[in-house]
C-alpha cells in the first residue's frame, strides 16, 4: 500500500528544492478552478507560504462563473492569495489580427487561450 504522507512530503520537498535552486522566494501558478490546478496550488502552498494563484479568464462564460467560483473556493480553503488577469480583450485582439492573414480553424482557436495563459504566467 502507498504511503501517502511520504508521497506528499516528497512532492513538497521537490518544490522546495526547485525554489531554492532558482533563488525564488515565491510561486505563481495558474488557478483555473480544475482538479489539476487545485492540486498544484495545494502542493505549492504547502511548500511555500508565498504562493499566488492567477485566475485568467479568456472569453469563456464558464471562466467567469463555475471555474472562477471553484478557483476562489480552493484558494480560500487553503489560504492561497489569488489575482485576476482577464485575457478576453487580448484574445479578441489577437484573433482579429490573425484573421486578417489566415482562416483560423477550431484547433487553432482552442489553443489561443492556453498559450495566452502560459505567456501571462511566464511574465509574472
PDB file of N, CA and C in Angstrom:
ATOM      1  N   UNK A   1       0.835  -1.187   0.000  1.00  0.00           N
ATOM      2  CA  UNK A   1       0.000   0.000   0.000  1.00  0.00           C
ATOM      3  C   UNK A   1       0.882   1.254   0.000  1.00  0.00           C
ATOM      4  N   UNK A   2       0.427   2.262  -0.699  1.00  0.00           N
ATOM      5  CA  UNK A   2       1.175   3.508  -0.805  1.00  0.00           C
ATOM      6  C   UNK A   2       1.161   4.291   0.496  1.00  0.00           C
ATOM      7  N   UNK A   3       2.270   4.915   0.788  1.00  0.00           N
ATOM      8  CA  UNK A   3       2.383   5.787   1.947  1.00  0.00           C
ATOM      9  C   UNK A   3       2.146   7.220   1.461  1.00  0.00           C
ATOM     10  N   UNK A   4       0.914   7.692   1.586  1.00  0.00           N
ATOM     11  CA  UNK A   4       0.547   8.988   1.039  1.00  0.00           C
ATOM     12  C   UNK A   4       1.205  10.151   1.775  1.00  0.00           C
ATOM     13  N   UNK A   5       1.458   9.999   3.053  1.00  0.00           N
ATOM     14  CA  UNK A   5       2.180  11.049   3.770  1.00  0.00           C
ATOM     15  C   UNK A   5       3.590  11.213   3.216  1.00  0.00           C
ATOM     16  N   UNK A   6       4.236  10.084   2.914  1.00  0.00           N
ATOM     17  CA  UNK A   6       5.570  10.128   2.330  1.00  0.00           C
ATOM     18  C   UNK A   6       5.521  10.736   0.931  1.00  0.00           C
ATOM     19  N   UNK A   7       4.521  10.368   0.140  1.00  0.00           N
ATOM     20  CA  UNK A   7       4.366  10.925  -1.209  1.00  0.00           C
ATOM     21  C   UNK A   7       4.201  12.441  -1.148  1.00  0.00           C
ATOM     22  N   UNK A   8       3.380  12.909  -0.222  1.00  0.00           N
ATOM     23  CA  UNK A   8       3.169  14.344  -0.049  1.00  0.00           C
ATOM     24  C   UNK A   8       4.481  15.022   0.343  1.00  0.00           C
ATOM     25  N   UNK A   9       5.170  14.454   1.286  1.00  0.00           N
ATOM     26  CA  UNK A   9       6.442  15.014   1.750  1.00  0.00           C
ATOM     27  C   UNK A   9       7.457  15.111   0.602  1.00  0.00           C
ATOM     28  N   UNK A  10       7.516  14.078  -0.240  1.00  0.00           N
ATOM     29  CA  UNK A  10       8.449  14.082  -1.377  1.00  0.00           C
ATOM     30  C   UNK A  10       8.105  15.191  -2.370  1.00  0.00           C
ATOM     31  N   UNK A  11       6.836  15.338  -2.675  1.00  0.00           N
ATOM     32  CA  UNK A  11       6.427  16.348  -3.650  1.00  0.00           C
ATOM     33  C   UNK A  11       6.659  17.764  -3.125  1.00  0.00           C
ATOM     34  N   UNK A  12       6.332  17.984  -1.871  1.00  0.00           N
ATOM     35  CA  UNK A  12       6.565  19.291  -1.262  1.00  0.00           C
ATOM     36  C   UNK A  12       8.074  19.571  -1.218  1.00  0.00           C
ATOM     37  N   UNK A  13       8.848  18.566  -0.869  1.00  0.00           N
ATOM     38  CA  UNK A  13      10.305  18.709  -0.849  1.00  0.00           C
ATOM     39  C   UNK A  13      10.869  19.036  -2.225  1.00  0.00           C
ATOM     40  N   UNK A  14      10.327  18.391  -3.252  1.00  0.00           N
ATOM     41  CA  UNK A  14      10.766  18.667  -4.625  1.00  0.00           C
ATOM     42  C   UNK A  14      10.533  20.135  -4.971  1.00  0.00           C
ATOM     43  N   UNK A  15       9.351  20.626  -4.665  1.00  0.00           N
ATOM     44  CA  UNK A  15       9.022  22.024  -4.961  1.00  0.00           C
ATOM     45  C   UNK A  15       9.949  22.957  -4.181  1.00  0.00           C
ATOM     46  N   UNK A  16      10.205  22.656  -2.922  1.00  0.00           N
ATOM     47  CA  UNK A  16      11.094  23.485  -2.118  1.00  0.00           C
ATOM     48  C   UNK A  16      12.516  23.488  -2.687  1.00  0.00           C
ATOM     49  N   UNK A  17      12.970  22.340  -3.179  1.00  0.00           N
ATOM     50  CA  UNK A  17      14.306  22.267  -3.794  1.00  0.00           C
ATOM     51  C   UNK A  17      14.383  23.098  -5.069  1.00  0.00           C
ATOM     52  N   UNK A  18      13.328  23.064  -5.871  1.00  0.00           N
ATOM     53  CA  UNK A  18      13.302  23.874  -7.097  1.00  0.00           C
ATOM     54  C   UNK A  18      13.334  25.359  -6.741  1.00  0.00           C
ATOM     55  N   UNK A  19      12.560  25.759  -5.750  1.00  0.00           N
ATOM     56  CA  UNK A  19      12.574  27.156  -5.305  1.00  0.00           C
ATOM     57  C   UNK A  19      13.971  27.575  -4.858  1.00  0.00           C
ATOM     58  N   UNK A  20      14.587  26.727  -4.057  1.00  0.00           N
ATOM     59  CA  UNK A  20      15.922  27.036  -3.539  1.00  0.00           C
ATOM     60  C   UNK A  20      16.942  27.161  -4.672  1.00  0.00           C
ATOM     61  N   UNK A  21      16.919  26.214  -5.602  1.00  0.00           N
ATOM     62  CA  UNK A  21      17.895  26.236  -6.696  1.00  0.00           C
ATOM     63  C   UNK A  21      17.671  27.422  -7.641  1.00  0.00           C
ATOM     64  N   UNK A  22      16.444  27.921  -7.687  1.00  0.00           N
ATOM     65  CA  UNK A  22      16.126  29.076  -8.538  1.00  0.00           C
ATOM     66  C   UNK A  22      16.284  30.401  -7.787  1.00  0.00           C
ATOM     67  N   UNK A  23      16.652  30.315  -6.517  1.00  0.00           N
ATOM     68  CA  UNK A  23      16.732  31.515  -5.667  1.00  0.00           C
ATOM     69  C   UNK A  23      15.417  32.294  -5.689  1.00  0.00           C
ATOM     70  N   UNK A  24      14.322  31.562  -5.708  1.00  0.00           N
ATOM     71  CA  UNK A  24      12.993  32.177  -5.754  1.00  0.00           C
ATOM     72  C   UNK A  24      12.412  32.264  -4.345  1.00  0.00           C
ATOM     73  N   UNK A  25      11.614  33.282  -4.137  1.00  0.00           N
ATOM     74  CA  UNK A  25      11.003  33.455  -2.820  1.00  0.00           C
ATOM     75  C   UNK A  25       9.498  33.218  -2.841  1.00  0.00           C
ATOM     76  N   UNK A  26       8.981  32.793  -3.987  1.00  0.00           N
ATOM     77  CA  UNK A  26       7.551  32.552  -4.079  1.00  0.00           C
ATOM     78  C   UNK A  26       7.185  31.794  -5.334  1.00  0.00           C
ATOM     79  N   UNK A  27       5.907  31.462  -5.410  1.00  0.00           N
ATOM     80  CA  UNK A  27       5.386  30.653  -6.516  1.00  0.00           C
ATOM     81  C   UNK A  27       4.158  31.340  -7.094  1.00  0.00           C
ATOM     82  N   UNK A  28       4.085  31.355  -8.410  1.00  0.00           N
ATOM     83  CA  UNK A  28       2.891  31.803  -9.123  1.00  0.00           C
ATOM     84  C   UNK A  28       2.446  30.646 -10.003  1.00  0.00           C
ATOM     85  N   UNK A  29       1.167  30.308  -9.939  1.00  0.00           N
ATOM     86  CA  UNK A  29       0.631  29.227 -10.764  1.00  0.00           C
ATOM     87  C   UNK A  29      -0.725  29.634 -11.316  1.00  0.00           C
ATOM     88  N   UNK A  30      -1.136  28.972 -12.370  1.00  0.00           N
ATOM     89  CA  UNK A  30      -2.439  29.236 -12.969  1.00  0.00           C
ATOM     90  C   UNK A  30      -3.517  28.494 -12.215  1.00  0.00           C
ATOM     91  N   UNK A  31      -4.452  29.244 -11.639  1.00  0.00           N
ATOM     92  CA  UNK A  31      -5.555  28.654 -10.880  1.00  0.00           C
ATOM     93  C   UNK A  31      -6.808  28.678 -11.751  1.00  0.00           C
ATOM     94  N   UNK A  32      -7.034  27.571 -12.452  1.00  0.00           N
ATOM     95  CA  UNK A  32      -8.162  27.502 -13.388  1.00  0.00           C
ATOM     96  C   UNK A  32      -9.461  27.090 -12.712  1.00  0.00           C
ATOM     97  N   UNK A  33      -9.358  26.568 -11.503  1.00  0.00           N
ATOM     98  CA  UNK A  33     -10.537  26.036 -10.839  1.00  0.00           C
ATOM     99  C   UNK A  33     -10.702  24.551 -11.048  1.00  0.00           C
ATOM    100  N   UNK A  34      -9.842  23.936 -11.847  1.00  0.00           N
ATOM    101  CA  UNK A  34      -9.908  22.497 -12.101  1.00  0.00           C
ATOM    102  C   UNK A  34      -9.134  21.687 -11.071  1.00  0.00           C
ATOM    103  N   UNK A  35      -9.262  20.364 -11.187  1.00  0.00           N
ATOM    104  CA  UNK A  35      -8.601  19.460 -10.230  1.00  0.00           C
ATOM    105  C   UNK A  35      -7.085  19.579 -10.284  1.00  0.00           C
ATOM    106  N   UNK A  36      -6.536  19.669 -11.483  1.00  0.00           N
ATOM    107  CA  UNK A  36      -5.075  19.736 -11.609  1.00  0.00           C
ATOM    108  C   UNK A  36      -4.519  20.993 -10.951  1.00  0.00           C
ATOM    109  N   UNK A  37      -5.122  22.137 -11.246  1.00  0.00           N
ATOM    110  CA  UNK A  37      -4.597  23.372 -10.662  1.00  0.00           C
ATOM    111  C   UNK A  37      -4.863  23.425  -9.156  1.00  0.00           C
ATOM    112  N   UNK A  38      -5.935  22.812  -8.702  1.00  0.00           N
ATOM    113  CA  UNK A  38      -6.196  22.742  -7.258  1.00  0.00           C
ATOM    114  C   UNK A  38      -5.071  21.978  -6.562  1.00  0.00           C
ATOM    115  N   UNK A  39      -4.702  20.837  -7.118  1.00  0.00           N
ATOM    116  CA  UNK A  39      -3.624  20.044  -6.530  1.00  0.00           C
ATOM    117  C   UNK A  39      -2.303  20.805  -6.571  1.00  0.00           C
ATOM    118  N   UNK A  40      -2.001  21.428  -7.692  1.00  0.00           N
ATOM    119  CA  UNK A  40      -0.768  22.210  -7.807  1.00  0.00           C
ATOM    120  C   UNK A  40      -0.749  23.317  -6.751  1.00  0.00           C
ATOM    121  N   UNK A  41      -1.851  24.031  -6.623  1.00  0.00           N
ATOM    122  CA  UNK A  41      -1.922  25.113  -5.647  1.00  0.00           C
ATOM    123  C   UNK A  41      -1.729  24.635  -4.224  1.00  0.00           C
ATOM    124  N   UNK A  42      -2.359  23.532  -3.881  1.00  0.00           N
ATOM    125  CA  UNK A  42      -2.237  22.983  -2.528  1.00  0.00           C
ATOM    126  C   UNK A  42      -0.794  22.566  -2.249  1.00  0.00           C
ATOM    127  N   UNK A  43      -0.183  21.866  -3.197  1.00  0.00           N
ATOM    128  CA  UNK A  43       1.210  21.443  -3.011  1.00  0.00           C
ATOM    129  C   UNK A  43       2.142  22.649  -2.917  1.00  0.00           C
ATOM    130  N   UNK A  44       1.928  23.630  -3.779  1.00  0.00           N
ATOM    131  CA  UNK A  44       2.771  24.827  -3.750  1.00  0.00           C
ATOM    132  C   UNK A  44       2.626  25.565  -2.422  1.00  0.00           C
ATOM    133  N   UNK A  45       1.416  25.695  -1.937  1.00  0.00           N
ATOM    134  CA  UNK A  45       1.188  26.397  -0.663  1.00  0.00           C
ATOM    135  C   UNK A  45       1.845  25.646   0.491  1.00  0.00           C
ATOM    136  N   UNK A  46       1.804  24.326   0.462  1.00  0.00           N
ATOM    137  CA  UNK A  46       2.474  23.539   1.493  1.00  0.00           C
ATOM    138  C   UNK A  46       3.990  23.723   1.422  1.00  0.00           C
ATOM    139  N   UNK A  47       4.505  23.954   0.225  1.00  0.00           N
ATOM    140  CA  UNK A  47       5.946  24.125   0.033  1.00  0.00           C
ATOM    141  C   UNK A  47       6.401  25.550   0.319  1.00  0.00           C
ATOM    142  N   UNK A  48       5.516  26.523   0.115  1.00  0.00           N
ATOM    143  CA  UNK A  48       5.924  27.927   0.204  1.00  0.00           C
ATOM    144  C   UNK A  48       4.705  28.786   0.543  1.00  0.00           C
ATOM    145  N   UNK A  49       4.799  29.494   1.634  1.00  0.00           N
ATOM    146  CA  UNK A  49       3.673  30.331   2.039  1.00  0.00           C
ATOM    147  C   UNK A  49       3.382  31.422   1.014  1.00  0.00           C
ATOM    148  N   UNK A  50       4.410  31.893   0.327  1.00  0.00           N
ATOM    149  CA  UNK A  50       4.265  32.962  -0.664  1.00  0.00           C
ATOM    150  C   UNK A  50       3.845  32.365  -2.013  1.00  0.00           C
ATOM    151  N   UNK A  51       2.600  31.934  -2.077  1.00  0.00           N
ATOM    152  CA  UNK A  51       2.043  31.305  -3.278  1.00  0.00           C
ATOM    153  C   UNK A  51       0.854  32.121  -3.769  1.00  0.00           C
ATOM    154  N   UNK A  52       0.857  32.409  -5.061  1.00  0.00           N
ATOM    155  CA  UNK A  52      -0.224  33.186  -5.672  1.00  0.00           C
ATOM    156  C   UNK A  52      -0.801  32.397  -6.838  1.00  0.00           C
ATOM    157  N   UNK A  53      -2.115  32.283  -6.868  1.00  0.00           N
ATOM    158  CA  UNK A  53      -2.808  31.650  -7.980  1.00  0.00           C
ATOM    159  C   UNK A  53      -3.397  32.711  -8.895  1.00  0.00           C
ATOM    160  N   UNK A  54      -3.031  32.669 -10.162  1.00  0.00           N
ATOM    161  CA  UNK A  54      -3.599  33.608 -11.132  1.00  0.00           C
ATOM    162  C   UNK A  54      -4.837  32.993 -11.778  1.00  0.00           C
ATOM    163  N   UNK A  55      -5.938  33.694 -11.694  1.00  0.00           N
ATOM    164  CA  UNK A  55      -7.169  33.311 -12.371  1.00  0.00           C
ATOM    165  C   UNK A  55      -7.194  34.129 -13.651  1.00  0.00           C
ATOM    166  N   UNK A  56      -7.245  33.438 -14.802  1.00  0.00           N
ATOM    167  CA  UNK A  56      -7.084  34.125 -16.092  1.00  0.00           C
ATOM    168  C   UNK A  56      -8.229  33.800 -17.053  1.00  0.00           C
ATOM    169  N   UNK A  57      -9.393  34.402 -16.830  1.00  0.00           N
ATOM    170  CA  UNK A  57     -10.474  34.164 -17.778  1.00  0.00           C
ATOM    171  C   UNK A  57     -10.088  34.660 -19.165  1.00  0.00           C
ATOM    172  N   UNK A  58     -10.625  33.964 -20.164  1.00  0.00           N
ATOM    173  CA  UNK A  58     -10.217  34.281 -21.533  1.00  0.00           C
ATOM    174  C   UNK A  58     -11.411  34.168 -22.486  1.00  0.00           C
ATOM    175  N   UNK A  59     -12.502  34.800 -22.112  1.00  0.00           N
ATOM    176  CA  UNK A  59     -13.636  34.889 -23.016  1.00  0.00           C
ATOM    177  C   UNK A  59     -14.721  33.856 -22.853  1.00  0.00           C
ATOM    178  N   UNK A  60     -14.468  32.801 -22.123  1.00  0.00           N
ATOM    179  CA  UNK A  60     -15.472  31.753 -21.958  1.00  0.00           C
ATOM    180  C   UNK A  60     -16.398  32.099 -20.795  1.00  0.00           C
ATOM    181  N   UNK A  61     -17.690  31.917 -20.987  1.00  0.00           N
ATOM    182  CA  UNK A  61     -18.654  32.179 -19.921  1.00  0.00           C
ATOM    183  C   UNK A  61     -18.331  31.319 -18.695  1.00  0.00           C
ATOM    184  N   UNK A  62     -17.896  30.094 -18.938  1.00  0.00           N
ATOM    185  CA  UNK A  62     -17.556  29.186 -17.837  1.00  0.00           C
ATOM    186  C   UNK A  62     -16.402  29.753 -17.006  1.00  0.00           C
ATOM    187  N   UNK A  63     -15.435  30.440 -17.669  1.00  0.00           N
ATOM    188  CA  UNK A  63     -14.309  31.047 -16.952  1.00  0.00           C
ATOM    189  C   UNK A  63     -14.784  32.043 -15.898  1.00  0.00           C
ATOM    190  N   UNK A  64     -15.889  32.728 -16.183  1.00  0.00           N
ATOM    191  CA  UNK A  64     -16.364  33.780 -15.300  1.00  0.00           C
ATOM    192  C   UNK A  64     -17.327  33.260 -14.244  1.00  0.00           C
ATOM    193  N   UNK A  65     -17.806  32.055 -14.397  1.00  0.00           N
ATOM    194  CA  UNK A  65     -18.806  31.551 -13.462  1.00  0.00           C
ATOM    195  C   UNK A  65     -18.272  30.378 -12.659  1.00  0.00           C
ATOM    196  N   UNK A  66     -18.520  29.161 -13.109  1.00  0.00           N
ATOM    197  CA  UNK A  66     -18.172  27.984 -12.293  1.00  0.00           C
ATOM    198  C   UNK A  66     -16.667  27.833 -12.087  1.00  0.00           C
ATOM    199  N   UNK A  67     -15.859  28.070 -13.123  1.00  0.00           N
ATOM    200  CA  UNK A  67     -14.406  27.937 -12.973  1.00  0.00           C
ATOM    201  C   UNK A  67     -13.874  28.940 -11.955  1.00  0.00           C
ATOM    202  N   UNK A  68     -14.306  30.178 -12.069  1.00  0.00           N
ATOM    203  CA  UNK A  68     -13.859  31.227 -11.153  1.00  0.00           C
ATOM    204  C   UNK A  68     -14.288  30.900  -9.723  1.00  0.00           C
ATOM    205  N   UNK A  69     -15.510  30.446  -9.555  1.00  0.00           N
ATOM    206  CA  UNK A  69     -16.005  30.092  -8.221  1.00  0.00           C
ATOM    207  C   UNK A  69     -15.199  28.940  -7.621  1.00  0.00           C
ATOM    208  N   UNK A  70     -14.889  27.929  -8.442  1.00  0.00           N
ATOM    209  CA  UNK A  70     -14.083  26.803  -7.958  1.00  0.00           C
ATOM    210  C   UNK A  70     -12.673  27.258  -7.586  1.00  0.00           C
ATOM    211  N   UNK A  71     -12.079  28.111  -8.407  1.00  0.00           N
ATOM    212  CA  UNK A  71     -10.737  28.629  -8.128  1.00  0.00           C
ATOM    213  C   UNK A  71     -10.728  29.401  -6.809  1.00  0.00           C
ATOM    214  N   UNK A  72     -11.735  30.224  -6.606  1.00  0.00           N
ATOM    215  CA  UNK A  72     -11.821  31.023  -5.381  1.00  0.00           C
ATOM    216  C   UNK A  72     -12.045  30.140  -4.156  1.00  0.00           C
ATOM    217  N   UNK A  73     -12.836  29.089  -4.313  1.00  0.00           N
ATOM    218  CA  UNK A  73     -13.123  28.191  -3.188  1.00  0.00           C
ATOM    219  C   UNK A  73     -11.854  27.487  -2.710  1.00  0.00           C
ATOM    220  N   UNK A  74     -11.078  26.953  -3.648  1.00  0.00           N
ATOM    221  CA  UNK A  74      -9.825  26.277  -3.284  1.00  0.00           C
ATOM    222  C   UNK A  74      -8.860  27.269  -2.650  1.00  0.00           C
ATOM    223  N   UNK A  75      -8.746  28.456  -3.241  1.00  0.00           N
ATOM    224  CA  UNK A  75      -7.832  29.470  -2.709  1.00  0.00           C
ATOM    225  C   UNK A  75      -8.208  29.842  -1.277  1.00  0.00           C
ATOM    226  N   UNK A  76      -9.470  30.023  -1.034  1.00  0.00           N
ATOM    227  CA  UNK A  76      -9.919  30.386   0.310  1.00  0.00           C
ATOM    228  C   UNK A  76      -9.655  29.253   1.295  1.00  0.00           C
ATOM    229  N   UNK A  77      -9.988  28.040   0.896  1.00  0.00           N
ATOM    230  CA  UNK A  77      -9.836  26.889   1.795  1.00  0.00           C
ATOM    231  C   UNK A  77      -8.384  26.670   2.205  1.00  0.00           C
ATOM    232  N   UNK A  78      -7.438  26.953   1.292  1.00  0.00           N
ATOM    233  CA  UNK A  78      -6.031  26.695   1.579  1.00  0.00           C
ATOM    234  C   UNK A  78      -5.217  27.976   1.773  1.00  0.00           C
ATOM    235  N   UNK A  79      -5.917  29.100   1.955  1.00  0.00           N
ATOM    236  CA  UNK A  79      -5.283  30.386   2.225  1.00  0.00           C
ATOM    237  C   UNK A  79      -4.252  30.749   1.152  1.00  0.00           C
ATOM    238  N   UNK A  80      -4.654  30.610  -0.103  1.00  0.00           N
ATOM    239  CA  UNK A  80      -3.804  30.949  -1.240  1.00  0.00           C
ATOM    240  C   UNK A  80      -4.277  32.285  -1.796  1.00  0.00           C
ATOM    241  N   UNK A  81      -3.351  33.220  -1.914  1.00  0.00           N
ATOM    242  CA  UNK A  81      -3.685  34.517  -2.492  1.00  0.00           C
ATOM    243  C   UNK A  81      -4.021  34.332  -3.978  1.00  0.00           C
ATOM    244  N   UNK A  82      -5.043  35.029  -4.447  1.00  0.00           N
ATOM    245  CA  UNK A  82      -5.366  34.959  -5.874  1.00  0.00           C
ATOM    246  C   UNK A  82      -5.368  36.360  -6.466  1.00  0.00           C
ATOM    247  N   UNK A  83      -5.026  36.397  -7.732  1.00  0.00           N
ATOM    248  CA  UNK A  83      -5.087  37.628  -8.520  1.00  0.00           C
ATOM    249  C   UNK A  83      -5.769  37.293  -9.835  1.00  0.00           C
ATOM    250  N   UNK A  84      -6.340  38.305 -10.446  1.00  0.00           N
ATOM    251  CA  UNK A  84      -7.099  38.117 -11.673  1.00  0.00           C
ATOM    252  C   UNK A  84      -6.433  38.860 -12.829  1.00  0.00           C
ATOM    253  N   UNK A  85      -6.305  38.179 -13.948  1.00  0.00           N
ATOM    254  CA  UNK A  85      -5.820  38.792 -15.177  1.00  0.00           C
ATOM    255  C   UNK A  85      -6.804  38.369 -16.269  1.00  0.00           C
ATOM    256  N   UNK A  86      -7.642  39.299 -16.691  1.00  0.00           N
ATOM    257  CA  UNK A  86      -8.647  38.996 -17.714  1.00  0.00           C
ATOM    258  C   UNK A  86      -7.997  39.101 -19.092  1.00  0.00           C
ATOM    259  N   UNK A  87      -7.926  37.980 -19.782  1.00  0.00           N
ATOM    260  CA  UNK A  87      -7.268  37.908 -21.080  1.00  0.00           C
ATOM    261  C   UNK A  87      -8.246  37.989 -22.255  1.00  0.00           C
ATOM    262  N   UNK A  88      -9.497  38.264 -21.983  1.00  0.00           N
ATOM    263  CA  UNK A  88     -10.523  38.283 -23.031  1.00  0.00           C
ATOM    264  C   UNK A  88     -10.193  39.278 -24.145  1.00  0.00           C
ATOM    265  N   UNK A  89      -9.873  40.514 -23.787  1.00  0.00           N
ATOM    266  CA  UNK A  89      -9.582  41.532 -24.805  1.00  0.00           C
ATOM    267  C   UNK A  89      -8.329  41.177 -25.599  1.00  0.00           C
ATOM    268  N   UNK A  90      -7.342  40.591 -24.915  1.00  0.00           N
ATOM    269  CA  UNK A  90      -6.103  40.193 -25.597  1.00  0.00           C
ATOM    270  C   UNK A  90      -6.407  39.107 -26.622  1.00  0.00           C
ATOM    271  N   UNK A  91      -7.204  38.126 -26.215  1.00  0.00           N
ATOM    272  CA  UNK A  91      -7.565  37.037 -27.137  1.00  0.00           C
ATOM    273  C   UNK A  91      -8.328  37.585 -28.340  1.00  0.00           C
ATOM    274  N   UNK A  92      -9.285  38.450 -28.091  1.00  0.00           N
ATOM    275  CA  UNK A  92     -10.079  39.015 -29.184  1.00  0.00           C
ATOM    276  C   UNK A  92      -9.210  39.818 -30.150  1.00  0.00           C
ATOM    277  N   UNK A  93      -8.284  40.605 -29.604  1.00  0.00           N
ATOM    278  CA  UNK A  93      -7.393  41.406 -30.463  1.00  0.00           C
ATOM    279  C   UNK A  93      -6.471  40.501 -31.278  1.00  0.00           C
ATOM    280  N   UNK A  94      -5.946  39.454 -30.657  1.00  0.00           N
ATOM    281  CA  UNK A  94      -5.072  38.532 -31.375  1.00  0.00           C
ATOM    282  C   UNK A  94      -5.833  37.829 -32.496  1.00  0.00           C
ATOM    283  N   UNK A  95      -7.044  37.351 -32.188  1.00  0.00           N
ATOM    284  CA  UNK A  95      -7.837  36.672 -33.222  1.00  0.00           C
ATOM    285  C   UNK A  95      -8.164  37.612 -34.372  1.00  0.00           C
ATOM    286  N   UNK A  96      -8.485  38.844 -34.063  1.00  0.00           N
ATOM    287  CA  UNK A  96      -8.789  39.826 -35.109  1.00  0.00           C
ATOM    288  C   UNK A  96      -7.575  40.039 -36.007  1.00  0.00           C
ATOM    289  N   UNK A  97      -6.399  40.159 -35.407  1.00  0.00           N
ATOM    290  CA  UNK A  97      -5.169  40.338 -36.191  1.00  0.00           C
ATOM    291  C   UNK A  97      -4.865  39.117 -37.040  1.00  0.00           C
ATOM    292  N   UNK A  98      -5.004  37.941 -36.456  1.00  0.00           N
ATOM    293  CA  UNK A  98      -4.719  36.703 -37.182  1.00  0.00           C
ATOM    294  C   UNK A  98      -5.678  36.496 -38.351  1.00  0.00           C
ATOM    295  N   UNK A  99      -6.941  36.832 -38.134  1.00  0.00           N
ATOM    296  CA  UNK A  99      -7.953  36.604 -39.166  1.00  0.00           C
ATOM    297  C   UNK A  99      -7.738  37.466 -40.401  1.00  0.00           C
ATOM    298  N   UNK A 100      -6.914  38.508 -40.308  1.00  0.00           N
ATOM    299  CA  UNK A 100      -6.605  39.302 -41.499  1.00  0.00           C
ATOM    300  C   UNK A 100      -5.629  38.565 -42.408  1.00  0.00           C
ATOM    301  N   UNK A 101      -4.924  37.570 -41.842  1.00  0.00           N
ATOM    302  CA  UNK A 101      -3.904  36.845 -42.616  1.00  0.00           C
ATOM    303  C   UNK A 101      -4.267  35.395 -42.906  1.00  0.00           C
ATOM    304  N   UNK A 102      -5.028  34.761 -42.013  1.00  0.00           N
ATOM    305  CA  UNK A 102      -5.329  33.337 -42.155  1.00  0.00           C
ATOM    306  C   UNK A 102      -6.749  33.039 -41.688  1.00  0.00           C
ATOM    307  N   UNK A 103      -7.253  31.890 -42.147  1.00  0.00           N
ATOM    308  CA  UNK A 103      -8.524  31.399 -41.627  1.00  0.00           C
ATOM    309  C   UNK A 103      -8.209  30.495 -40.436  1.00  0.00           C
ATOM    310  N   UNK A 104      -8.652  30.896 -39.263  1.00  0.00           N
ATOM    311  CA  UNK A 104      -8.385  30.107 -38.053  1.00  0.00           C
ATOM    312  C   UNK A 104      -9.343  28.928 -37.977  1.00  0.00           C
ATOM    313  N   UNK A 105      -8.783  27.734 -37.798  1.00  0.00           N
ATOM    314  CA  UNK A 105      -9.648  26.575 -37.593  1.00  0.00           C
ATOM    315  C   UNK A 105      -9.926  26.411 -36.098  1.00  0.00           C
ATOM    316  N   UNK A 106     -10.809  25.480 -35.760  1.00  0.00           N
ATOM    317  CA  UNK A 106     -11.206  25.296 -34.363  1.00  0.00           C
ATOM    318  C   UNK A 106     -10.038  24.917 -33.458  1.00  0.00           C
ATOM    319  N   UNK A 107      -9.103  24.130 -33.977  1.00  0.00           N
ATOM    320  CA  UNK A 107      -7.946  23.734 -33.179  1.00  0.00           C
ATOM    321  C   UNK A 107      -7.084  24.951 -32.851  1.00  0.00           C
ATOM    322  N   UNK A 108      -6.864  25.785 -33.833  1.00  0.00           N
ATOM    323  CA  UNK A 108      -6.069  26.997 -33.611  1.00  0.00           C
ATOM    324  C   UNK A 108      -6.746  27.909 -32.588  1.00  0.00           C
ATOM    325  N   UNK A 109      -8.037  28.078 -32.730  1.00  0.00           N
ATOM    326  CA  UNK A 109      -8.787  28.936 -31.799  1.00  0.00           C
ATOM    327  C   UNK A 109      -8.739  28.363 -30.385  1.00  0.00           C
ATOM    328  N   UNK A 110      -8.895  27.054 -30.264  1.00  0.00           N
ATOM    329  CA  UNK A 110      -8.878  26.403 -28.944  1.00  0.00           C
ATOM    330  C   UNK A 110      -7.524  26.525 -28.262  1.00  0.00           C
ATOM    331  N   UNK A 111      -6.462  26.654 -29.030  1.00  0.00           N
ATOM    332  CA  UNK A 111      -5.116  26.737 -28.460  1.00  0.00           C
ATOM    333  C   UNK A 111      -4.691  28.148 -28.073  1.00  0.00           C
ATOM    334  N   UNK A 112      -5.442  29.146 -28.467  1.00  0.00           N
ATOM    335  CA  UNK A 112      -5.053  30.523 -28.159  1.00  0.00           C
ATOM    336  C   UNK A 112      -5.106  30.798 -26.656  1.00  0.00           C
ATOM    337  N   UNK A 113      -6.211  30.453 -26.002  1.00  0.00           N
ATOM    338  CA  UNK A 113      -6.356  30.758 -24.571  1.00  0.00           C
ATOM    339  C   UNK A 113      -5.254  30.121 -23.714  1.00  0.00           C
ATOM    340  N   UNK A 114      -4.953  28.822 -23.883  1.00  0.00           N
ATOM    341  CA  UNK A 114      -3.884  28.257 -23.046  1.00  0.00           C
ATOM    342  C   UNK A 114      -2.520  28.897 -23.297  1.00  0.00           C
ATOM    343  N   UNK A 115      -2.257  29.295 -24.546  1.00  0.00           N
ATOM    344  CA  UNK A 115      -0.970  29.931 -24.847  1.00  0.00           C
ATOM    345  C   UNK A 115      -0.901  31.334 -24.243  1.00  0.00           C
ATOM    346  N   UNK A 116      -2.015  32.054 -24.225  1.00  0.00           N
ATOM    347  CA  UNK A 116      -2.042  33.367 -23.581  1.00  0.00           C
ATOM    348  C   UNK A 116      -1.834  33.224 -22.071  1.00  0.00           C
ATOM    349  N   UNK A 117      -2.445  32.206 -21.494  1.00  0.00           N
ATOM    350  CA  UNK A 117      -2.262  31.968 -20.058  1.00  0.00           C
ATOM    351  C   UNK A 117      -0.805  31.614 -19.749  1.00  0.00           C
ATOM    352  N   UNK A 118      -0.206  30.782 -20.581  1.00  0.00           N
ATOM    353  CA  UNK A 118       1.196  30.410 -20.401  1.00  0.00           C
ATOM    354  C   UNK A 118       2.077  31.655 -20.460  1.00  0.00           C
ATOM    355  N   UNK A 119       1.853  32.505 -21.460  1.00  0.00           N
ATOM    356  CA  UNK A 119       2.637  33.726 -21.614  1.00  0.00           C
ATOM    357  C   UNK A 119       2.473  34.630 -20.386  1.00  0.00           C
ATOM    358  N   UNK A 120       1.250  34.723 -19.884  1.00  0.00           N
ATOM    359  CA  UNK A 120       0.982  35.537 -18.699  1.00  0.00           C
ATOM    360  C   UNK A 120       1.746  35.004 -17.496  1.00  0.00           C
ATOM    361  N   UNK A 121       1.709  33.694 -17.300  1.00  0.00           N
ATOM    362  CA  UNK A 121       2.425  33.108 -16.168  1.00  0.00           C
ATOM    363  C   UNK A 121       3.934  33.340 -16.263  1.00  0.00           C
ATOM    364  N   UNK A 122       4.494  33.187 -17.472  1.00  0.00           N
ATOM    365  CA  UNK A 122       5.929  33.451 -17.646  1.00  0.00           C
ATOM    366  C   UNK A 122       6.250  34.916 -17.367  1.00  0.00           C
ATOM    367  N   UNK A 123       5.328  35.802 -17.695  1.00  0.00           N
ATOM    368  CA  UNK A 123       5.557  37.234 -17.475  1.00  0.00           C
ATOM    369  C   UNK A 123       5.544  37.594 -15.996  1.00  0.00           C
ATOM    370  N   UNK A 124       4.739  36.894 -15.235  1.00  0.00           N
ATOM    371  CA  UNK A 124       4.636  37.187 -13.803  1.00  0.00           C
ATOM    372  C   UNK A 124       5.759  36.490 -13.062  1.00  0.00           C
TER     373      UNK A 124
END
